[in-house]
N, C-alpha and C. Protein backbone atom coordinates (compact mmCIF):
# COMPACT_ATOMS: atom_id res chain seq x y z
N UNK A 1 14.08 -34.13 -13.38
CA UNK A 1 15.24 -34.87 -12.60
C UNK A 1 14.43 -35.37 -11.25
N UNK A 2 13.30 -34.71 -10.60
CA UNK A 2 12.71 -35.40 -9.31
C UNK A 2 11.26 -35.12 -9.69
N UNK A 3 10.31 -35.51 -9.21
CA UNK A 3 8.81 -35.03 -9.14
C UNK A 3 8.36 -35.76 -8.14
N UNK A 4 7.20 -35.18 -7.60
CA UNK A 4 6.30 -35.99 -6.47
C UNK A 4 5.42 -35.21 -6.16
N UNK A 5 4.59 -35.45 -4.81
CA UNK A 5 3.35 -34.89 -4.38
C UNK A 5 4.12 -33.76 -3.35
N UNK A 6 3.49 -32.80 -3.09
CA UNK A 6 4.09 -31.84 -1.92
C UNK A 6 3.01 -31.29 -1.30
N UNK A 7 3.15 -31.07 0.17
CA UNK A 7 2.38 -30.12 0.93
C UNK A 7 3.34 -29.14 1.42
N UNK A 8 2.53 -27.86 1.12
CA UNK A 8 3.74 -26.79 1.12
C UNK A 8 2.97 -25.62 1.99
N UNK A 9 3.66 -24.50 2.48
CA UNK A 9 3.20 -23.30 2.84
C UNK A 9 4.24 -22.19 2.97
N UNK A 10 3.44 -21.09 2.59
CA UNK A 10 4.53 -19.80 2.91
C UNK A 10 4.75 -19.60 4.21
N UNK A 11 5.70 -18.93 4.75
CA UNK A 11 6.07 -18.46 6.00
C UNK A 11 5.10 -17.74 6.80
N UNK A 12 4.45 -16.76 5.98
CA UNK A 12 3.45 -16.13 6.66
C UNK A 12 2.20 -16.94 7.10
N UNK A 13 1.91 -17.94 6.12
CA UNK A 13 0.94 -18.52 6.33
C UNK A 13 0.80 -19.82 7.76
N UNK A 14 2.23 -19.96 7.98
CA UNK A 14 2.40 -20.97 9.07
C UNK A 14 2.49 -19.89 10.24
N UNK A 15 2.49 -18.78 10.33
CA UNK A 15 2.76 -17.75 11.30
C UNK A 15 1.41 -17.45 11.77
N UNK A 16 0.23 -17.89 11.20
CA UNK A 16 -1.35 -17.70 11.73
C UNK A 16 -1.61 -18.61 12.79
N UNK A 17 -1.52 -17.93 13.96
CA UNK A 17 -1.75 -18.53 15.46
C UNK A 17 -3.02 -19.03 15.32
N UNK A 18 -4.31 -18.33 14.75
CA UNK A 18 -5.39 -18.98 15.18
C UNK A 18 -5.73 -20.51 14.18
N UNK A 19 -4.92 -20.50 13.28
CA UNK A 19 -4.75 -21.81 12.26
C UNK A 19 -4.14 -22.98 12.80
N UNK A 20 -2.81 -22.48 13.16
CA UNK A 20 -1.86 -23.51 13.55
C UNK A 20 -1.15 -23.41 14.93
N UNK A 21 -1.70 -22.31 15.94
CA UNK A 21 -1.24 -22.39 17.21
C UNK A 21 -1.03 -23.48 17.87
N UNK A 22 -2.29 -24.44 17.90
CA UNK A 22 -2.55 -25.74 18.71
C UNK A 22 -1.67 -26.48 18.09
N UNK A 23 -1.58 -26.78 16.58
CA UNK A 23 -0.84 -27.98 16.02
C UNK A 23 0.65 -27.72 16.41
N UNK A 24 0.96 -26.56 16.20
CA UNK A 24 2.56 -26.62 16.56
C UNK A 24 2.75 -27.16 17.96
N UNK A 25 2.13 -27.11 18.99
CA UNK A 25 2.31 -27.56 20.22
C UNK A 25 2.04 -29.05 20.49
N UNK A 26 0.98 -29.51 19.83
CA UNK A 26 0.90 -31.11 20.35
C UNK A 26 0.29 -32.05 19.02
N UNK A 27 0.53 -31.44 17.86
CA UNK A 27 0.03 -32.23 16.75
C UNK A 27 1.08 -33.62 16.54
N UNK A 28 2.26 -33.56 17.36
CA UNK A 28 2.76 -34.73 17.13
C UNK A 28 2.49 -35.88 17.88
N UNK A 29 1.27 -35.66 18.90
CA UNK A 29 0.74 -36.98 19.20
C UNK A 29 -0.35 -37.65 18.62
N UNK A 30 -0.69 -36.73 17.65
CA UNK A 30 -1.81 -37.35 16.96
C UNK A 30 -1.12 -37.98 15.54
N UNK A 31 -1.65 -39.36 15.40
CA UNK A 31 -1.07 -39.93 13.93
C UNK A 31 -2.00 -39.94 12.68
N UNK A 32 -3.08 -39.32 12.76
CA UNK A 32 -3.82 -39.03 11.94
C UNK A 32 -3.65 -37.86 11.11
N UNK A 33 -3.11 -36.78 11.62
CA UNK A 33 -2.75 -35.63 11.04
C UNK A 33 -1.69 -35.56 9.89
N UNK A 34 -1.99 -34.66 8.82
CA UNK A 34 -1.00 -34.73 8.09
C UNK A 34 0.16 -33.16 8.42
N UNK A 35 0.99 -33.06 8.04
CA UNK A 35 1.90 -32.14 8.51
C UNK A 35 1.15 -30.51 8.08
N UNK A 36 1.78 -29.56 8.99
CA UNK A 36 0.96 -28.31 8.50
C UNK A 36 1.12 -28.20 6.94
N UNK A 37 0.28 -27.45 6.62
CA UNK A 37 0.47 -26.95 5.26
C UNK A 37 -1.16 -26.27 4.86
N UNK A 38 -0.84 -25.55 3.72
CA UNK A 38 -1.99 -24.55 3.21
C UNK A 38 -2.28 -25.19 2.08
N UNK A 39 -1.29 -25.51 1.23
CA UNK A 39 -1.31 -26.20 -0.33
C UNK A 39 -0.77 -27.41 -0.49
N UNK A 40 -1.73 -27.92 -1.41
CA UNK A 40 -1.11 -29.41 -1.77
C UNK A 40 -1.14 -29.30 -3.24
N UNK A 41 -0.46 -30.14 -4.03
CA UNK A 41 0.04 -30.41 -5.34
C UNK A 41 1.04 -31.50 -5.88
N UNK A 42 1.74 -30.90 -6.90
CA UNK A 42 2.84 -31.79 -7.52
C UNK A 42 3.72 -30.91 -7.54
N UNK A 43 5.11 -31.59 -7.43
CA UNK A 43 6.24 -30.60 -7.74
C UNK A 43 7.12 -31.15 -8.38
N UNK A 44 7.69 -30.53 -9.06
CA UNK A 44 8.87 -31.09 -10.38
C UNK A 44 10.41 -30.29 -9.73
N UNK A 45 11.41 -30.73 -9.97
CA UNK A 45 12.73 -30.16 -9.85
C UNK A 45 13.20 -30.58 -10.98
N UNK A 46 13.65 -29.46 -11.67
CA UNK A 46 14.33 -29.52 -13.32
C UNK A 46 15.61 -28.76 -13.13
N UNK A 47 16.32 -28.83 -14.05
CA UNK A 47 17.67 -28.39 -14.02
C UNK A 47 17.78 -26.62 -13.79
N UNK A 48 16.58 -26.01 -14.00
CA UNK A 48 16.69 -24.55 -14.03
C UNK A 48 15.76 -23.98 -12.83
N UNK A 49 14.86 -24.71 -12.13
CA UNK A 49 14.08 -24.39 -11.09
C UNK A 49 13.31 -25.55 -10.38
N UNK A 50 12.36 -25.12 -9.52
CA UNK A 50 11.14 -25.69 -8.88
C UNK A 50 9.96 -25.20 -9.44
N UNK A 51 9.06 -26.56 -9.73
CA UNK A 51 7.76 -26.10 -10.53
C UNK A 51 6.63 -26.64 -9.50
N UNK A 52 6.13 -26.21 -8.96
CA UNK A 52 4.82 -26.56 -8.31
C UNK A 52 3.56 -26.34 -8.84
N UNK A 53 2.43 -27.31 -9.14
CA UNK A 53 1.25 -26.88 -9.55
C UNK A 53 0.06 -27.54 -8.52
N UNK A 54 -0.89 -27.12 -8.72
CA UNK A 54 -1.85 -27.56 -7.83
C UNK A 54 -3.20 -26.73 -7.55
N UNK A 55 -3.28 -26.61 -6.31
CA UNK A 55 -4.38 -25.20 -5.91
C UNK A 55 -3.71 -24.04 -5.99
N UNK A 56 -2.31 -23.90 -5.83
CA UNK A 56 -1.80 -22.77 -6.48
C UNK A 56 -0.42 -22.99 -7.11
N UNK A 57 0.01 -22.35 -8.25
CA UNK A 57 1.03 -22.60 -8.94
C UNK A 57 2.33 -21.67 -8.53
N UNK A 58 3.36 -22.32 -8.34
CA UNK A 58 4.86 -21.58 -8.00
C UNK A 58 5.72 -22.05 -8.57
N UNK A 59 6.70 -20.93 -9.36
CA UNK A 59 8.12 -21.36 -10.07
C UNK A 59 9.11 -20.77 -9.47
N UNK A 60 10.02 -21.56 -8.85
CA UNK A 60 11.18 -20.94 -8.20
C UNK A 60 12.35 -21.45 -9.18
N UNK A 61 12.87 -20.41 -9.75
CA UNK A 61 14.19 -20.34 -10.36
C UNK A 61 15.17 -20.69 -9.80
N UNK A 62 16.16 -21.52 -10.02
CA UNK A 62 17.23 -21.77 -9.07
C UNK A 62 18.22 -20.54 -8.87
N UNK A 63 18.09 -19.76 -10.18
CA UNK A 63 19.10 -18.61 -9.70
C UNK A 63 18.18 -17.61 -8.63
N UNK A 64 17.33 -17.57 -8.72
CA UNK A 64 16.63 -16.79 -7.37
C UNK A 64 16.48 -17.63 -5.98
N UNK A 65 16.82 -18.52 -5.96
CA UNK A 65 17.03 -19.20 -4.15
C UNK A 65 18.23 -18.69 -3.73
N UNK A 66 17.99 -18.08 -2.50
CA UNK A 66 18.55 -17.64 -1.69
C UNK A 66 19.33 -18.49 -0.73
N UNK A 67 18.48 -19.18 0.05
CA UNK A 67 18.77 -20.22 0.93
C UNK A 67 18.18 -21.32 1.03
N UNK A 68 18.56 -22.72 1.33
CA UNK A 68 17.85 -24.03 1.37
C UNK A 68 18.09 -24.60 2.79
N UNK A 69 17.60 -24.86 3.82
CA UNK A 69 17.47 -25.64 5.07
C UNK A 69 16.43 -26.78 5.19
N UNK A 70 17.17 -27.67 5.92
CA UNK A 70 16.21 -28.88 5.85
C UNK A 70 16.14 -29.09 7.45
N UNK A 71 15.32 -28.82 8.23
CA UNK A 71 15.08 -28.91 9.72
C UNK A 71 13.89 -28.03 10.15
N UNK A 72 13.81 -28.12 11.81
CA UNK A 72 12.66 -27.23 12.30
C UNK A 72 13.09 -25.90 12.86
N UNK A 73 12.01 -25.27 12.97
CA UNK A 73 12.27 -23.75 13.60
C UNK A 73 11.12 -23.36 14.27
N UNK A 74 11.16 -22.18 14.43
CA UNK A 74 9.97 -21.60 15.35
C UNK A 74 8.61 -21.56 14.62
N UNK A 75 8.50 -21.57 13.26
CA UNK A 75 7.52 -21.46 12.44
C UNK A 75 6.77 -23.04 12.22
N UNK A 76 7.78 -24.00 11.99
CA UNK A 76 7.71 -25.38 11.78
C UNK A 76 8.30 -26.23 12.90
N UNK A 77 7.97 -26.10 14.07
CA UNK A 77 8.70 -27.03 15.14
C UNK A 77 8.42 -28.59 15.00
N UNK A 78 9.46 -29.09 15.53
CA UNK A 78 9.54 -30.53 15.71
C UNK A 78 8.03 -31.01 16.28
N UNK A 79 7.44 -30.48 17.35
CA UNK A 79 6.25 -31.06 18.18
C UNK A 79 5.02 -30.97 17.22
N UNK A 80 5.21 -30.30 16.20
CA UNK A 80 4.23 -30.37 15.20
C UNK A 80 3.89 -31.53 14.24
N UNK A 81 4.76 -32.30 14.30
CA UNK A 81 4.63 -33.75 13.43
C UNK A 81 4.87 -34.99 14.17
N UNK A 82 4.39 -36.06 13.54
CA UNK A 82 4.27 -37.35 14.25
C UNK A 82 6.14 -37.74 14.46
N UNK A 83 5.98 -38.28 15.70
CA UNK A 83 7.40 -38.89 16.06
C UNK A 83 8.04 -37.72 16.32
N UNK A 84 7.82 -36.43 16.47
CA UNK A 84 8.37 -35.55 16.58
C UNK A 84 9.64 -34.94 15.80
N UNK A 85 9.47 -35.48 14.75
CA UNK A 85 10.69 -35.04 13.94
C UNK A 85 11.64 -35.88 13.85
N UNK A 86 11.54 -37.31 14.39
CA UNK A 86 12.82 -38.36 14.23
C UNK A 86 12.78 -38.78 12.85
N UNK A 87 11.84 -38.89 11.97
CA UNK A 87 12.05 -39.40 10.85
C UNK A 87 11.99 -38.67 9.48
N UNK A 88 11.51 -37.49 9.76
CA UNK A 88 11.85 -36.45 8.70
C UNK A 88 11.85 -35.06 9.18
N UNK A 89 12.36 -34.36 8.49
CA UNK A 89 12.42 -32.71 8.66
C UNK A 89 11.61 -32.05 7.46
N UNK A 90 10.96 -30.76 7.68
CA UNK A 90 10.62 -30.04 6.42
C UNK A 90 11.79 -29.31 5.75
N UNK A 91 11.55 -28.98 4.17
CA UNK A 91 12.69 -28.09 3.51
C UNK A 91 12.06 -26.71 3.74
N UNK A 92 13.03 -25.91 3.98
CA UNK A 92 12.67 -24.25 3.99
C UNK A 92 13.28 -23.80 2.61
N UNK A 93 12.67 -23.11 1.76
CA UNK A 93 13.53 -22.20 0.83
C UNK A 93 13.13 -20.97 0.89
N UNK A 94 14.19 -20.02 0.74
CA UNK A 94 14.06 -18.66 0.73
C UNK A 94 14.52 -18.19 -0.70
N UNK A 95 13.41 -17.47 -1.18
CA UNK A 95 13.92 -16.97 -2.73
C UNK A 95 13.67 -15.45 -2.66
N UNK A 96 14.31 -14.70 -3.74
CA UNK A 96 13.72 -13.26 -4.08
C UNK A 96 12.87 -13.42 -4.96
N UNK A 97 12.03 -12.43 -5.14
CA UNK A 97 11.09 -12.14 -6.09
C UNK A 97 11.26 -10.79 -6.92
N UNK A 98 11.98 -9.77 -6.40
CA UNK A 98 12.35 -8.78 -6.94
C UNK A 98 13.33 -8.51 -5.81
N UNK A 99 14.43 -7.42 -6.44
CA UNK A 99 15.43 -6.92 -5.43
C UNK A 99 15.22 -6.78 -4.13
N UNK A 100 14.05 -6.00 -3.95
CA UNK A 100 13.66 -5.83 -2.36
C UNK A 100 12.62 -6.82 -1.65
N UNK A 101 12.00 -7.87 -2.51
CA UNK A 101 11.00 -8.65 -1.96
C UNK A 101 11.59 -10.34 -2.02
N UNK A 102 11.16 -10.78 -0.90
CA UNK A 102 11.53 -12.26 -0.98
C UNK A 102 10.47 -13.26 -0.31
N UNK A 103 10.40 -14.27 -0.54
CA UNK A 103 9.48 -15.26 -0.16
C UNK A 103 10.31 -16.50 0.48
N UNK A 104 9.39 -17.11 1.40
CA UNK A 104 10.09 -18.13 2.35
C UNK A 104 8.83 -19.28 2.01
N UNK A 105 9.22 -20.72 1.81
CA UNK A 105 8.20 -21.71 1.49
C UNK A 105 8.76 -22.79 2.55
N UNK A 106 7.78 -23.64 2.87
CA UNK A 106 8.41 -24.90 3.56
C UNK A 106 7.57 -26.14 2.70
N UNK A 107 8.48 -27.39 2.67
CA UNK A 107 7.95 -28.33 1.77
C UNK A 107 7.89 -29.49 2.46
N UNK A 108 7.08 -30.29 2.18
CA UNK A 108 7.08 -31.88 2.73
C UNK A 108 6.44 -32.52 1.62
N UNK A 109 7.72 -33.39 1.16
CA UNK A 109 7.54 -33.97 -0.39
C UNK A 109 7.49 -35.60 -0.33
N UNK A 110 6.39 -35.95 -0.85
CA UNK A 110 6.02 -37.48 -1.04
C UNK A 110 5.60 -37.76 0.53
N UNK A 111 5.00 -37.27 1.45
CA UNK A 111 4.73 -37.97 2.83
C UNK A 111 3.87 -38.89 2.59
N UNK A 112 4.21 -39.98 3.38
CA UNK A 112 3.83 -41.17 3.35
C UNK A 112 2.98 -41.55 4.61
N UNK A 113 2.71 -40.67 5.64
CA UNK A 113 2.17 -41.06 6.99
C UNK A 113 3.22 -41.33 8.06
N UNK A 114 4.39 -41.58 7.12
CA UNK A 114 5.48 -41.66 8.41
C UNK A 114 6.71 -41.21 7.74
N UNK A 115 6.98 -41.32 6.63
CA UNK A 115 8.32 -40.76 5.78
C UNK A 115 8.09 -39.77 4.70
N UNK A 116 9.25 -39.06 4.34
CA UNK A 116 8.95 -38.00 3.28
C UNK A 116 10.43 -38.38 2.29
N UNK A 117 10.13 -37.77 1.36
CA UNK A 117 11.42 -37.61 0.36
C UNK A 117 12.49 -36.64 0.57
N UNK A 118 11.97 -35.64 1.57
CA UNK A 118 12.68 -34.42 1.85
C UNK A 118 14.46 -34.58 1.70
N UNK A 119 14.79 -35.58 2.36
CA UNK A 119 16.13 -35.80 2.42
C UNK A 119 16.94 -35.90 0.82
N UNK A 120 16.24 -36.76 -0.07
CA UNK A 120 16.54 -36.73 -1.21
C UNK A 120 16.61 -35.26 -2.24
N UNK A 121 15.47 -34.85 -2.19
CA UNK A 121 15.02 -33.41 -2.60
C UNK A 121 16.05 -32.30 -2.31
N UNK A 122 16.43 -32.47 -1.00
CA UNK A 122 17.41 -31.40 -0.14
C UNK A 122 18.73 -31.86 -0.76
N UNK A 123 19.20 -32.77 -0.72
CA UNK A 123 20.59 -33.30 -1.39
C UNK A 123 20.51 -32.64 -2.74
N UNK A 124 19.86 -33.28 -3.50
CA UNK A 124 19.65 -33.16 -4.89
C UNK A 124 19.69 -31.43 -5.23
N UNK A 125 18.83 -30.78 -4.62
CA UNK A 125 18.89 -29.34 -4.88
C UNK A 125 20.07 -28.66 -4.20
N UNK A 126 20.73 -29.14 -3.47
CA UNK A 126 21.97 -28.46 -2.89
C UNK A 126 23.05 -28.68 -3.99
N UNK A 127 23.08 -29.86 -4.58
CA UNK A 127 24.00 -30.35 -5.50
C UNK A 127 23.54 -29.43 -6.90
N UNK A 128 22.44 -28.85 -7.12
CA UNK A 128 22.49 -27.91 -8.38
C UNK A 128 22.54 -26.65 -8.23
N UNK A 129 22.67 -26.55 -6.86
CA UNK A 129 22.85 -24.92 -6.56
C UNK A 129 24.45 -24.90 -6.43
N UNK A 130 25.35 -25.82 -6.26
CA UNK A 130 26.73 -25.62 -6.26
C UNK A 130 27.57 -25.40 -7.56
C-alpha cells in the first residue's frame, strides 16, 4: 500500500533526558537538525500490518494496534521540531505485544527537512483499522 523512509523511536527512548532533554526545548530554532529519533529505516504499510526494517526490525500487525494518534505530546513536543510543528506532526502508535505488555512508537515518515508524509500514512492507517 504505502512505503517510505522512517525516523522512529520507542517512547522510553524519547524519555531519556540525557539524550533528548535540550532538544525538546530548543531544537525548533535550528534548521539543520532531524526530528528526534533513535532508529532509521524503511517502512511498509500492508493490509495486515506495518513493517519496519533498518537498524532495527519491527512488525506491528494491525490486529495488535490499540491506538493511533497524530500530534505532539510531552515526549515529542512541538518545540522539538522546525517551525514548531506548523508543517507536520509525529504519528504515535500504541500496540500490544502480549496481553500484559505494550509498546509505543513515534514515527516521522519521508521527512524532507520541511515536510513529512505523516498525514497520508495516518489517514490510510486509520481507514485500514476501521
